[in-house]
Amino acid sequence: MIVEKSKLQGNTLLNVEGVIKLGESARFFAEALQRALEEESGHVLIDFSRINYIDSTGIGELVGYLGRFRDLDRKMILINPSDRIRKLLAIAQLDRLFVMAENLDEALGQAATEER
């Protein structure tokens, strides 16, 4: 798994590549989210366009960090998750919790809005 972090218009962009599943990749993903939570400000945009698989451990990390970011009045926006990931979130009835965007421009627009 690869996570590249950059700043964009006061937000943190995480470009994620690979799979997020039980074990090292889920820990690595959680560590990247924790660093964004502690070391950065603004909203967190997570580009899922190069993630083709996430298991329940990865979903659990997302849900846990969603709450932590919200507690700090920060958004977590998922950019371009695959149809499989969208369906998985819908089946677990988590799709309503997450802000999702089709592309980076849409995510930046959502980050700029006042609503969560």
PDB file of N, CA and C in Angstrom:
ATOM      1  N   MET A   1       0.840  -1.175   0.000  1.00  0.00           N
ATOM      2  CA  MET A   1       0.000   0.000   0.000  1.00  0.00           C
ATOM      3  C   MET A   1       0.888   1.241   0.000  1.00  0.00           C
ATOM      4  N   ILE A   2       0.475   2.237  -0.756  1.00  0.00           N
ATOM      5  CA  ILE A   2       1.188   3.507  -0.849  1.00  0.00           C
ATOM      6  C   ILE A   2       0.226   4.629  -0.483  1.00  0.00           C
ATOM      7  N   VAL A   3       0.688   5.554   0.354  1.00  0.00           N
ATOM      8  CA  VAL A   3      -0.098   6.745   0.685  1.00  0.00           C
ATOM      9  C   VAL A   3       0.794   7.952   0.465  1.00  0.00           C
ATOM     10  N   GLU A   4       0.368   8.833  -0.428  1.00  0.00           N
ATOM     11  CA  GLU A   4       1.086  10.084  -0.670  1.00  0.00           C
ATOM     12  C   GLU A   4       0.252  11.221  -0.110  1.00  0.00           C
ATOM     13  N   LYS A   5       0.889  12.076   0.688  1.00  0.00           N
ATOM     14  CA  LYS A   5       0.178  13.180   1.337  1.00  0.00           C
ATOM     15  C   LYS A   5       0.633  14.503   0.738  1.00  0.00           C
ATOM     16  N   SER A   6      -0.333  15.387   0.490  1.00  0.00           N
ATOM     17  CA  SER A   6      -0.015  16.731   0.018  1.00  0.00           C
ATOM     18  C   SER A   6      -1.045  17.711   0.579  1.00  0.00           C
ATOM     19  N   LYS A   7      -0.720  18.981   0.511  1.00  0.00           N
ATOM     20  CA  LYS A   7      -1.644  20.039   0.948  1.00  0.00           C
ATOM     21  C   LYS A   7      -2.246  20.672  -0.291  1.00  0.00           C
ATOM     22  N   LEU A   8      -3.539  20.987  -0.200  1.00  0.00           N
ATOM     23  CA  LEU A   8      -4.231  21.579  -1.332  1.00  0.00           C
ATOM     24  C   LEU A   8      -5.323  22.502  -0.807  1.00  0.00           C
ATOM     25  N   GLN A   9      -5.178  23.775  -1.016  1.00  0.00           N
ATOM     26  CA  GLN A   9      -6.160  24.779  -0.592  1.00  0.00           C
ATOM     27  C   GLN A   9      -6.518  24.639   0.889  1.00  0.00           C
ATOM     28  N   GLY A  10      -5.498  24.422   1.722  1.00  0.00           N
ATOM     29  CA  GLY A  10      -5.707  24.322   3.161  1.00  0.00           C
ATOM     30  C   GLY A  10      -6.213  22.974   3.641  1.00  0.00           C
ATOM     31  N   ASN A  11      -6.337  22.010   2.735  1.00  0.00           N
ATOM     32  CA  ASN A  11      -6.799  20.667   3.063  1.00  0.00           C
ATOM     33  C   ASN A  11      -5.664  19.674   2.879  1.00  0.00           C
ATOM     34  N   THR A  12      -5.809  18.513   3.474  1.00  0.00           N
ATOM     35  CA  THR A  12      -4.843  17.432   3.297  1.00  0.00           C
ATOM     36  C   THR A  12      -5.398  16.449   2.285  1.00  0.00           C
ATOM     37  N   LEU A  13      -4.619  16.162   1.256  1.00  0.00           N
ATOM     38  CA  LEU A  13      -5.009  15.186   0.235  1.00  0.00           C
ATOM     39  C   LEU A  13      -4.170  13.932   0.441  1.00  0.00           C
ATOM     40  N   LEU A  14      -4.849  12.808   0.618  1.00  0.00           N
ATOM     41  CA  LEU A  14      -4.176  11.514   0.714  1.00  0.00           C
ATOM     42  C   LEU A  14      -4.483  10.722  -0.548  1.00  0.00           C
ATOM     43  N   ASN A  15      -3.465  10.477  -1.354  1.00  0.00           N
ATOM     44  CA  ASN A  15      -3.605   9.615  -2.525  1.00  0.00           C
ATOM     45  C   ASN A  15      -3.211   8.218  -2.085  1.00  0.00           C
ATOM     46  N   VAL A  16      -4.176   7.307  -2.140  1.00  0.00           N
ATOM     47  CA  VAL A  16      -3.985   5.964  -1.620  1.00  0.00           C
ATOM     48  C   VAL A  16      -3.979   4.977  -2.786  1.00  0.00           C
ATOM     49  N   GLU A  17      -3.036   4.015  -2.736  1.00  0.00           N
ATOM     50  CA  GLU A  17      -2.942   3.023  -3.810  1.00  0.00           C
ATOM     51  C   GLU A  17      -2.711   1.644  -3.206  1.00  0.00           C
ATOM     52  N   GLY A  18      -3.399   0.650  -3.738  1.00  0.00           N
ATOM     53  CA  GLY A  18      -3.234  -0.721  -3.271  1.00  0.00           C
ATOM     54  C   GLY A  18      -4.516  -1.261  -2.689  1.00  0.00           C
ATOM     55  N   VAL A  19      -4.367  -2.116  -1.672  1.00  0.00           N
ATOM     56  CA  VAL A  19      -5.513  -2.692  -0.984  1.00  0.00           C
ATOM     57  C   VAL A  19      -5.451  -2.305   0.487  1.00  0.00           C
ATOM     58  N   ILE A  20      -6.620  -2.217   1.106  1.00  0.00           N
ATOM     59  CA  ILE A  20      -6.699  -1.935   2.538  1.00  0.00           C
ATOM     60  C   ILE A  20      -7.405  -3.127   3.166  1.00  0.00           C
ATOM     61  N   LYS A  21      -6.628  -3.958   3.867  1.00  0.00           N
ATOM     62  CA  LYS A  21      -7.198  -5.160   4.477  1.00  0.00           C
ATOM     63  C   LYS A  21      -6.484  -5.455   5.783  1.00  0.00           C
ATOM     64  N   LEU A  22      -7.042  -6.396   6.525  1.00  0.00           N
ATOM     65  CA  LEU A  22      -6.505  -6.794   7.814  1.00  0.00           C
ATOM     66  C   LEU A  22      -5.001  -7.012   7.716  1.00  0.00           C
ATOM     67  N   GLY A  23      -4.279  -6.429   8.642  1.00  0.00           N
ATOM     68  CA  GLY A  23      -2.830  -6.610   8.666  1.00  0.00           C
ATOM     69  C   GLY A  23      -2.110  -5.297   8.445  1.00  0.00           C
ATOM     70  N   GLU A  24      -0.969  -5.416   7.802  1.00  0.00           N
ATOM     71  CA  GLU A  24      -0.075  -4.268   7.642  1.00  0.00           C
ATOM     72  C   GLU A  24      -0.702  -3.115   6.858  1.00  0.00           C
ATOM     73  N   SER A  25      -1.441  -3.407   5.809  1.00  0.00           N
ATOM     74  CA  SER A  25      -1.994  -2.312   4.995  1.00  0.00           C
ATOM     75  C   SER A  25      -3.026  -1.506   5.782  1.00  0.00           C
ATOM     76  N   ALA A  26      -3.859  -2.167   6.589  1.00  0.00           N
ATOM     77  CA  ALA A  26      -4.843  -1.441   7.399  1.00  0.00           C
ATOM     78  C   ALA A  26      -4.141  -0.603   8.461  1.00  0.00           C
ATOM     79  N   ARG A  27      -3.083  -1.148   9.075  1.00  0.00           N
ATOM     80  CA  ARG A  27      -2.313  -0.369  10.063  1.00  0.00           C
ATOM     81  C   ARG A  27      -1.671   0.847   9.415  1.00  0.00           C
ATOM     82  N   PHE A  28      -1.096   0.649   8.236  1.00  0.00           N
ATOM     83  CA  PHE A  28      -0.438   1.743   7.524  1.00  0.00           C
ATOM     84  C   PHE A  28      -1.450   2.840   7.173  1.00  0.00           C
ATOM     85  N   PHE A  29      -2.625   2.437   6.721  1.00  0.00           N
ATOM     86  CA  PHE A  29      -3.693   3.380   6.396  1.00  0.00           C
ATOM     87  C   PHE A  29      -4.123   4.147   7.644  1.00  0.00           C
ATOM     88  N   ALA A  30      -4.308   3.428   8.759  1.00  0.00           N
ATOM     89  CA  ALA A  30      -4.703   4.070  10.019  1.00  0.00           C
ATOM     90  C   ALA A  30      -3.632   5.058  10.481  1.00  0.00           C
ATOM     91  N   GLU A  31      -2.369   4.710  10.323  1.00  0.00           N
ATOM     92  CA  GLU A  31      -1.281   5.615  10.714  1.00  0.00           C
ATOM     93  C   GLU A  31      -1.291   6.883   9.864  1.00  0.00           C
ATOM     94  N   ALA A  32      -1.586   6.748   8.573  1.00  0.00           N
ATOM     95  CA  ALA A  32      -1.664   7.925   7.694  1.00  0.00           C
ATOM     96  C   ALA A  32      -2.820   8.826   8.123  1.00  0.00           C
ATOM     97  N   LEU A  33      -3.956   8.228   8.470  1.00  0.00           N
ATOM     98  CA  LEU A  33      -5.096   9.021   8.942  1.00  0.00           C
ATOM     99  C   LEU A  33      -4.779   9.689  10.280  1.00  0.00           C
ATOM    100  N   GLN A  34      -4.099   8.982  11.165  1.00  0.00           N
ATOM    101  CA  GLN A  34      -3.738   9.551  12.459  1.00  0.00           C
ATOM    102  C   GLN A  34      -2.792  10.735  12.294  1.00  0.00           C
ATOM    103  N   ARG A  35      -1.813  10.603  11.396  1.00  0.00           N
ATOM    104  CA  ARG A  35      -0.891  11.724  11.134  1.00  0.00           C
ATOM    105  C   ARG A  35      -1.650  12.924  10.576  1.00  0.00           C
ATOM    106  N   ALA A  36      -2.586  12.676   9.679  1.00  0.00           N
ATOM    107  CA  ALA A  36      -3.387  13.775   9.127  1.00  0.00           C
ATOM    108  C   ALA A  36      -4.209  14.433  10.225  1.00  0.00           C
ATOM    109  N   LEU A  37      -4.696  13.634  11.151  1.00  0.00           N
ATOM    110  CA  LEU A  37      -5.493  14.155  12.264  1.00  0.00           C
ATOM    111  C   LEU A  37      -4.642  15.009  13.197  1.00  0.00           C
ATOM    112  N   GLU A  38      -3.459  14.536  13.526  1.00  0.00           N
ATOM    113  CA  GLU A  38      -2.607  15.206  14.510  1.00  0.00           C
ATOM    114  C   GLU A  38      -1.740  16.321  13.935  1.00  0.00           C
ATOM    115  N   GLU A  39      -1.211  16.112  12.742  1.00  0.00           N
ATOM    116  CA  GLU A  39      -0.195  17.013  12.209  1.00  0.00           C
ATOM    117  C   GLU A  39      -0.723  18.036  11.221  1.00  0.00           C
ATOM    118  N   GLU A  40      -1.919  17.837  10.721  1.00  0.00           N
ATOM    119  CA  GLU A  40      -2.456  18.705   9.686  1.00  0.00           C
ATOM    120  C   GLU A  40      -3.710  19.413  10.194  1.00  0.00           C
ATOM    121  N   SER A  41      -4.119  20.409   9.436  1.00  0.00           N
ATOM    122  CA  SER A  41      -5.386  21.082   9.718  1.00  0.00           C
ATOM    123  C   SER A  41      -6.230  21.027   8.458  1.00  0.00           C
ATOM    124  N   GLY A  42      -7.428  21.527   8.540  1.00  0.00           N
ATOM    125  CA  GLY A  42      -8.315  21.496   7.379  1.00  0.00           C
ATOM    126  C   GLY A  42      -8.949  20.121   7.222  1.00  0.00           C
ATOM    127  N   HIS A  43      -9.657  19.973   6.151  1.00  0.00           N
ATOM    128  CA  HIS A  43     -10.362  18.729   5.873  1.00  0.00           C
ATOM    129  C   HIS A  43      -9.407  17.716   5.246  1.00  0.00           C
ATOM    130  N   VAL A  44      -9.805  16.460   5.249  1.00  0.00           N
ATOM    131  CA  VAL A  44      -8.986  15.402   4.666  1.00  0.00           C
ATOM    132  C   VAL A  44      -9.724  14.817   3.471  1.00  0.00           C
ATOM    133  N   LEU A  45      -9.072  14.864   2.335  1.00  0.00           N
ATOM    134  CA  LEU A  45      -9.605  14.324   1.091  1.00  0.00           C
ATOM    135  C   LEU A  45      -8.839  13.043   0.799  1.00  0.00           C
ATOM    136  N   ILE A  46      -9.540  11.942   0.651  1.00  0.00           N
ATOM    137  CA  ILE A  46      -8.888  10.656   0.421  1.00  0.00           C
ATOM    138  C   ILE A  46      -9.236  10.173  -0.979  1.00  0.00           C
ATOM    139  N   ASP A  47      -8.229  10.131  -1.857  1.00  0.00           N
ATOM    140  CA  ASP A  47      -8.440   9.693  -3.234  1.00  0.00           C
ATOM    141  C   ASP A  47      -8.402   8.168  -3.279  1.00  0.00           C
ATOM    142  N   PHE A  48      -9.568   7.583  -3.516  1.00  0.00           N
ATOM    143  CA  PHE A  48      -9.727   6.129  -3.564  1.00  0.00           C
ATOM    144  C   PHE A  48      -9.668   5.589  -4.988  1.00  0.00           C
ATOM    145  N   SER A  49      -9.324   6.393  -5.963  1.00  0.00           N
ATOM    146  CA  SER A  49      -9.396   5.935  -7.355  1.00  0.00           C
ATOM    147  C   SER A  49      -8.435   4.789  -7.656  1.00  0.00           C
ATOM    148  N   ARG A  50      -7.389   4.608  -6.842  1.00  0.00           N
ATOM    149  CA  ARG A  50      -6.442   3.512  -7.070  1.00  0.00           C
ATOM    150  C   ARG A  50      -6.535   2.432  -5.982  1.00  0.00           C
ATOM    151  N   ILE A  51      -7.689   2.410  -5.286  1.00  0.00           N
ATOM    152  CA  ILE A  51      -7.967   1.347  -4.311  1.00  0.00           C
ATOM    153  C   ILE A  51      -9.058   0.476  -4.916  1.00  0.00           C
ATOM    154  N   ASN A  52      -8.745  -0.791  -5.115  1.00  0.00           N
ATOM    155  CA  ASN A  52      -9.766  -1.671  -5.688  1.00  0.00           C
ATOM    156  C   ASN A  52     -10.314  -2.662  -4.677  1.00  0.00           C
ATOM    157  N   TYR A  53      -9.750  -2.670  -3.459  1.00  0.00           N
ATOM    158  CA  TYR A  53     -10.249  -3.597  -2.458  1.00  0.00           C
ATOM    159  C   TYR A  53     -10.062  -3.003  -1.064  1.00  0.00           C
ATOM    160  N   ILE A  54     -11.105  -3.093  -0.257  1.00  0.00           N
ATOM    161  CA  ILE A  54     -11.040  -2.713   1.142  1.00  0.00           C
ATOM    162  C   ILE A  54     -11.896  -3.716   1.900  1.00  0.00           C
ATOM    163  N   ASP A  55     -11.378  -4.229   3.016  1.00  0.00           N
ATOM    164  CA  ASP A  55     -12.160  -5.187   3.790  1.00  0.00           C
ATOM    165  C   ASP A  55     -12.783  -4.502   5.000  1.00  0.00           C
ATOM    166  N   SER A  56     -13.412  -5.294   5.858  1.00  0.00           N
ATOM    167  CA  SER A  56     -14.118  -4.723   7.004  1.00  0.00           C
ATOM    168  C   SER A  56     -13.170  -4.001   7.961  1.00  0.00           C
ATOM    169  N   THR A  57     -11.917  -4.436   8.025  1.00  0.00           N
ATOM    170  CA  THR A  57     -10.946  -3.746   8.877  1.00  0.00           C
ATOM    171  C   THR A  57     -10.698  -2.338   8.352  1.00  0.00           C
ATOM    172  N   GLY A  58     -10.539  -2.213   7.044  1.00  0.00           N
ATOM    173  CA  GLY A  58     -10.343  -0.893   6.435  1.00  0.00           C
ATOM    174  C   GLY A  58     -11.564  -0.003   6.607  1.00  0.00           C
ATOM    175  N   ILE A  59     -12.745  -0.582   6.432  1.00  0.00           N
ATOM    176  CA  ILE A  59     -13.985   0.178   6.633  1.00  0.00           C
ATOM    177  C   ILE A  59     -14.069   0.634   8.090  1.00  0.00           C
ATOM    178  N   GLY A  60     -13.695  -0.248   9.009  1.00  0.00           N
ATOM    179  CA  GLY A  60     -13.696   0.107  10.426  1.00  0.00           C
ATOM    180  C   GLY A  60     -12.779   1.274  10.733  1.00  0.00           C
ATOM    181  N   GLU A  61     -11.611   1.290  10.116  1.00  0.00           N
ATOM    182  CA  GLU A  61     -10.686   2.418  10.296  1.00  0.00           C
ATOM    183  C   GLU A  61     -11.311   3.708   9.774  1.00  0.00           C
ATOM    184  N   LEU A  62     -11.939   3.633   8.611  1.00  0.00           N
ATOM    185  CA  LEU A  62     -12.596   4.815   8.047  1.00  0.00           C
ATOM    186  C   LEU A  62     -13.671   5.351   8.981  1.00  0.00           C
ATOM    187  N   VAL A  63     -14.514   4.470   9.482  1.00  0.00           N
ATOM    188  CA  VAL A  63     -15.605   4.887  10.367  1.00  0.00           C
ATOM    189  C   VAL A  63     -15.043   5.503  11.652  1.00  0.00           C
ATOM    190  N   GLY A  64     -14.043   4.858  12.229  1.00  0.00           N
ATOM    191  CA  GLY A  64     -13.444   5.379  13.453  1.00  0.00           C
ATOM    192  C   GLY A  64     -12.841   6.758  13.274  1.00  0.00           C
ATOM    193  N   TYR A  65     -12.116   6.939  12.192  1.00  0.00           N
ATOM    194  CA  TYR A  65     -11.492   8.243  11.951  1.00  0.00           C
ATOM    195  C   TYR A  65     -12.504   9.286  11.509  1.00  0.00           C
ATOM    196  N   LEU A  66     -13.583   8.864  10.864  1.00  0.00           N
ATOM    197  CA  LEU A  66     -14.635   9.810  10.505  1.00  0.00           C
ATOM    198  C   LEU A  66     -15.134  10.508  11.773  1.00  0.00           C
ATOM    199  N   GLY A  67     -15.382   9.744  12.813  1.00  0.00           N
ATOM    200  CA  GLY A  67     -15.834  10.323  14.080  1.00  0.00           C
ATOM    201  C   GLY A  67     -14.808  11.263  14.685  1.00  0.00           C
ATOM    202  N   ARG A  68     -13.547  10.890  14.624  1.00  0.00           N
ATOM    203  CA  ARG A  68     -12.486  11.737  15.187  1.00  0.00           C
ATOM    204  C   ARG A  68     -12.364  13.058  14.436  1.00  0.00           C
ATOM    205  N   PHE A  69     -12.440  12.992  13.113  1.00  0.00           N
ATOM    206  CA  PHE A  69     -12.374  14.232  12.332  1.00  0.00           C
ATOM    207  C   PHE A  69     -13.595  15.104  12.598  1.00  0.00           C
ATOM    208  N   ARG A  70     -14.765  14.485  12.657  1.00  0.00           N
ATOM    209  CA  ARG A  70     -15.990  15.255  12.920  1.00  0.00           C
ATOM    210  C   ARG A  70     -15.937  15.927  14.292  1.00  0.00           C
ATOM    211  N   ASP A  71     -15.364  15.240  15.286  1.00  0.00           N
ATOM    212  CA  ASP A  71     -15.233  15.838  16.620  1.00  0.00           C
ATOM    213  C   ASP A  71     -14.423  17.132  16.576  1.00  0.00           C
ATOM    214  N   LEU A  72     -13.539  17.240  15.592  1.00  0.00           N
ATOM    215  CA  LEU A  72     -12.718  18.438  15.426  1.00  0.00           C
ATOM    216  C   LEU A  72     -13.280  19.379  14.369  1.00  0.00           C
ATOM    217  N   ASP A  73     -14.529  19.135  13.958  1.00  0.00           N
ATOM    218  CA  ASP A  73     -15.191  19.940  12.920  1.00  0.00           C
ATOM    219  C   ASP A  73     -14.456  19.896  11.582  1.00  0.00           C
ATOM    220  N   ARG A  74     -13.914  18.754  11.275  1.00  0.00           N
ATOM    221  CA  ARG A  74     -13.208  18.557  10.010  1.00  0.00           C
ATOM    222  C   ARG A  74     -13.931  17.472   9.217  1.00  0.00           C
ATOM    223  N   LYS A  75     -13.953  17.639   7.910  1.00  0.00           N
ATOM    224  CA  LYS A  75     -14.592  16.657   7.035  1.00  0.00           C
ATOM    225  C   LYS A  75     -13.582  15.622   6.553  1.00  0.00           C
ATOM    226  N   MET A  76     -14.086  14.444   6.272  1.00  0.00           N
ATOM    227  CA  MET A  76     -13.331  13.410   5.579  1.00  0.00           C
ATOM    228  C   MET A  76     -14.116  13.122   4.305  1.00  0.00           C
ATOM    229  N   ILE A  77     -13.510  13.392   3.166  1.00  0.00           N
ATOM    230  CA  ILE A  77     -14.196  13.253   1.885  1.00  0.00           C
ATOM    231  C   ILE A  77     -13.524  12.155   1.076  1.00  0.00           C
ATOM    232  N   LEU A  78     -14.300  11.165   0.635  1.00  0.00           N
ATOM    233  CA  LEU A  78     -13.786  10.068  -0.177  1.00  0.00           C
ATOM    234  C   LEU A  78     -13.935  10.438  -1.641  1.00  0.00           C
ATOM    235  N   ILE A  79     -12.836  10.431  -2.357  1.00  0.00           N
ATOM    236  CA  ILE A  79     -12.839  10.810  -3.771  1.00  0.00           C
ATOM    237  C   ILE A  79     -12.821   9.552  -4.633  1.00  0.00           C
ATOM    238  N   ASN A  80     -13.801   9.449  -5.510  1.00  0.00           N
ATOM    239  CA  ASN A  80     -13.887   8.424  -6.541  1.00  0.00           C
ATOM    240  C   ASN A  80     -13.706   6.990  -6.030  1.00  0.00           C
ATOM    241  N   PRO A  81     -14.454   6.608  -4.983  1.00  0.00           N
ATOM    242  CA  PRO A  81     -14.389   5.199  -4.594  1.00  0.00           C
ATOM    243  C   PRO A  81     -15.015   4.334  -5.683  1.00  0.00           C
ATOM    244  N   SER A  82     -14.489   3.130  -5.861  1.00  0.00           N
ATOM    245  CA  SER A  82     -14.996   2.235  -6.900  1.00  0.00           C
ATOM    246  C   SER A  82     -16.452   1.859  -6.614  1.00  0.00           C
ATOM    247  N   ASP A  83     -17.124   1.327  -7.635  1.00  0.00           N
ATOM    248  CA  ASP A  83     -18.502   0.863  -7.455  1.00  0.00           C
ATOM    249  C   ASP A  83     -18.567  -0.204  -6.370  1.00  0.00           C
ATOM    250  N   ARG A  84     -17.562  -1.061  -6.312  1.00  0.00           N
ATOM    251  CA  ARG A  84     -17.535  -2.114  -5.299  1.00  0.00           C
ATOM    252  C   ARG A  84     -17.487  -1.511  -3.902  1.00  0.00           C
ATOM    253  N   ILE A  85     -16.657  -0.510  -3.700  1.00  0.00           N
ATOM    254  CA  ILE A  85     -16.545   0.131  -2.384  1.00  0.00           C
ATOM    255  C   ILE A  85     -17.839   0.868  -2.052  1.00  0.00           C
ATOM    256  N   ARG A  86     -18.417   1.542  -3.017  1.00  0.00           N
ATOM    257  CA  ARG A  86     -19.699   2.227  -2.794  1.00  0.00           C
ATOM    258  C   ARG A  86     -20.785   1.234  -2.383  1.00  0.00           C
ATOM    259  N   LYS A  87     -20.840   0.085  -3.064  1.00  0.00           N
ATOM    260  CA  LYS A  87     -21.838  -0.939  -2.736  1.00  0.00           C
ATOM    261  C   LYS A  87     -21.597  -1.502  -1.343  1.00  0.00           C
ATOM    262  N   LEU A  88     -20.337  -1.721  -0.999  1.00  0.00           N
ATOM    263  CA  LEU A  88     -20.006  -2.221   0.331  1.00  0.00           C
ATOM    264  C   LEU A  88     -20.461  -1.241   1.411  1.00  0.00           C
ATOM    265  N   LEU A  89     -20.225   0.042   1.191  1.00  0.00           N
ATOM    266  CA  LEU A  89     -20.675   1.057   2.149  1.00  0.00           C
ATOM    267  C   LEU A  89     -22.198   1.100   2.224  1.00  0.00           C
ATOM    268  N   ALA A  90     -22.854   0.938   1.081  1.00  0.00           N
ATOM    269  CA  ALA A  90     -24.323   0.966   1.055  1.00  0.00           C
ATOM    270  C   ALA A  90     -24.903  -0.237   1.790  1.00  0.00           C
ATOM    271  N   ILE A  91     -24.330  -1.413   1.575  1.00  0.00           N
ATOM    272  CA  ILE A  91     -24.819  -2.619   2.246  1.00  0.00           C
ATOM    273  C   ILE A  91     -24.714  -2.470   3.763  1.00  0.00           C
ATOM    274  N   ALA A  92     -23.626  -1.860   4.211  1.00  0.00           N
ATOM    275  CA  ALA A  92     -23.427  -1.652   5.649  1.00  0.00           C
ATOM    276  C   ALA A  92     -24.156  -0.405   6.152  1.00  0.00           C
ATOM    277  N   GLN A  93     -24.895   0.240   5.267  1.00  0.00           N
ATOM    278  CA  GLN A  93     -25.626   1.480   5.566  1.00  0.00           C
ATOM    279  C   GLN A  93     -24.705   2.579   6.092  1.00  0.00           C
ATOM    280  N   LEU A  94     -23.496   2.637   5.530  1.00  0.00           N
ATOM    281  CA  LEU A  94     -22.524   3.655   5.900  1.00  0.00           C
ATOM    282  C   LEU A  94     -22.395   4.738   4.835  1.00  0.00           C
ATOM    283  N   ASP A  95     -23.024   4.501   3.682  1.00  0.00           N
ATOM    284  CA  ASP A  95     -22.893   5.459   2.583  1.00  0.00           C
ATOM    285  C   ASP A  95     -23.449   6.832   2.935  1.00  0.00           C
ATOM    286  N   ARG A  96     -24.396   6.882   3.873  1.00  0.00           N
ATOM    287  CA  ARG A  96     -24.966   8.183   4.269  1.00  0.00           C
ATOM    288  C   ARG A  96     -24.059   8.937   5.232  1.00  0.00           C
ATOM    289  N   LEU A  97     -23.128   8.232   5.843  1.00  0.00           N
ATOM    290  CA  LEU A  97     -22.215   8.875   6.793  1.00  0.00           C
ATOM    291  C   LEU A  97     -21.083   9.610   6.091  1.00  0.00           C
ATOM    292  N   PHE A  98     -20.660   9.069   4.966  1.00  0.00           N
ATOM    293  CA  PHE A  98     -19.482   9.607   4.283  1.00  0.00           C
ATOM    294  C   PHE A  98     -19.849  10.602   3.194  1.00  0.00           C
ATOM    295  N   VAL A  99     -19.046  11.638   3.097  1.00  0.00           N
ATOM    296  CA  VAL A  99     -19.143  12.564   1.970  1.00  0.00           C
ATOM    297  C   VAL A  99     -18.300  11.947   0.864  1.00  0.00           C
ATOM    298  N   MET A 100     -18.894  11.792  -0.321  1.00  0.00           N
ATOM    299  CA  MET A 100     -18.172  11.215  -1.453  1.00  0.00           C
ATOM    300  C   MET A 100     -18.212  12.190  -2.627  1.00  0.00           C
ATOM    301  N   ALA A 101     -17.128  12.205  -3.363  1.00  0.00           N
ATOM    302  CA  ALA A 101     -17.013  13.083  -4.525  1.00  0.00           C
ATOM    303  C   ALA A 101     -16.519  12.267  -5.714  1.00  0.00           C
ATOM    304  N   GLU A 102     -16.940  12.672  -6.899  1.00  0.00           N
ATOM    305  CA  GLU A 102     -16.525  11.976  -8.117  1.00  0.00           C
ATOM    306  C   GLU A 102     -15.093  12.311  -8.525  1.00  0.00           C
ATOM    307  N   ASN A 103     -14.642  13.521  -8.169  1.00  0.00           N
ATOM    308  CA  ASN A 103     -13.300  13.949  -8.567  1.00  0.00           C
ATOM    309  C   ASN A 103     -12.763  14.978  -7.573  1.00  0.00           C
ATOM    310  N   LEU A 104     -11.528  15.389  -7.757  1.00  0.00           N
ATOM    311  CA  LEU A 104     -10.873  16.302  -6.831  1.00  0.00           C
ATOM    312  C   LEU A 104     -11.564  17.662  -6.781  1.00  0.00           C
ATOM    313  N   ASP A 105     -11.982  18.185  -7.932  1.00  0.00           N
ATOM    314  CA  ASP A 105     -12.660  19.488  -7.944  1.00  0.00           C
ATOM    315  C   ASP A 105     -13.951  19.463  -7.121  1.00  0.00           C
ATOM    316  N   GLU A 106     -14.725  18.398  -7.274  1.00  0.00           N
ATOM    317  CA  GLU A 106     -15.960  18.264  -6.504  1.00  0.00           C
ATOM    318  C   GLU A 106     -15.643  18.160  -5.007  1.00  0.00           C
ATOM    319  N   ALA A 107     -14.595  17.424  -4.670  1.00  0.00           N
ATOM    320  CA  ALA A 107     -14.203  17.281  -3.262  1.00  0.00           C
ATOM    321  C   ALA A 107     -13.785  18.621  -2.673  1.00  0.00           C
ATOM    322  N   LEU A 108     -13.048  19.416  -3.436  1.00  0.00           N
ATOM    323  CA  LEU A 108     -12.640  20.734  -2.950  1.00  0.00           C
ATOM    324  C   LEU A 108     -13.854  21.635  -2.747  1.00  0.00           C
ATOM    325  N   GLY A 109     -14.840  21.528  -3.632  1.00  0.00           N
ATOM    326  CA  GLY A 109     -16.075  22.291  -3.470  1.00  0.00           C
ATOM    327  C   GLY A 109     -16.820  21.879  -2.213  1.00  0.00           C
ATOM    328  N   GLN A 110     -16.870  20.582  -1.951  1.00  0.00           N
ATOM    329  CA  GLN A 110     -17.539  20.091  -0.747  1.00  0.00           C
ATOM    330  C   GLN A 110     -16.763  20.488   0.509  1.00  0.00           C
ATOM    331  N   ALA A 111     -15.455  20.527   0.425  1.00  0.00           N
ATOM    332  CA  ALA A 111     -14.645  20.938   1.568  1.00  0.00           C
ATOM    333  C   ALA A 111     -14.877  22.409   1.892  1.00  0.00           C
ATOM    334  N   ALA A 112     -15.198  23.179   0.871  1.00  0.00           N
ATOM    335  CA  ALA A 112     -15.392  24.621   1.064  1.00  0.00           C
ATOM    336  C   ALA A 112     -16.755  24.957   1.665  1.00  0.00           C
ATOM    337  N   THR A 113     -17.700  24.032   1.586  1.00  0.00           N
ATOM    338  CA  THR A 113     -19.034  24.300   2.137  1.00  0.00           C
ATOM    339  C   THR A 113     -19.018  24.186   3.660  1.00  0.00           C
ATOM    340  N   GLU A 114     -19.963  24.833   4.279  1.00  0.00           N
ATOM    341  CA  GLU A 114     -20.040  24.853   5.748  1.00  0.00           C
ATOM    342  C   GLU A 114     -20.668  23.596   6.325  1.00  0.00           C
ATOM    343  N   GLU A 115     -21.474  22.878   5.524  1.00  0.00           N
ATOM    344  CA  GLU A 115     -22.178  21.700   6.033  1.00  0.00           C
ATOM    345  C   GLU A 115     -21.226  20.529   6.102  1.00  0.00           C
ATOM    346  N   ARG A 116     -21.550  19.572   7.007  1.00  0.00           N
ATOM    347  CA  ARG A 116     -20.784  18.338   7.096  1.00  0.00           C
ATOM    348  C   ARG A 116     -21.586  17.210   6.508  1.00  0.00           C
TER     349      ARG A 116
END
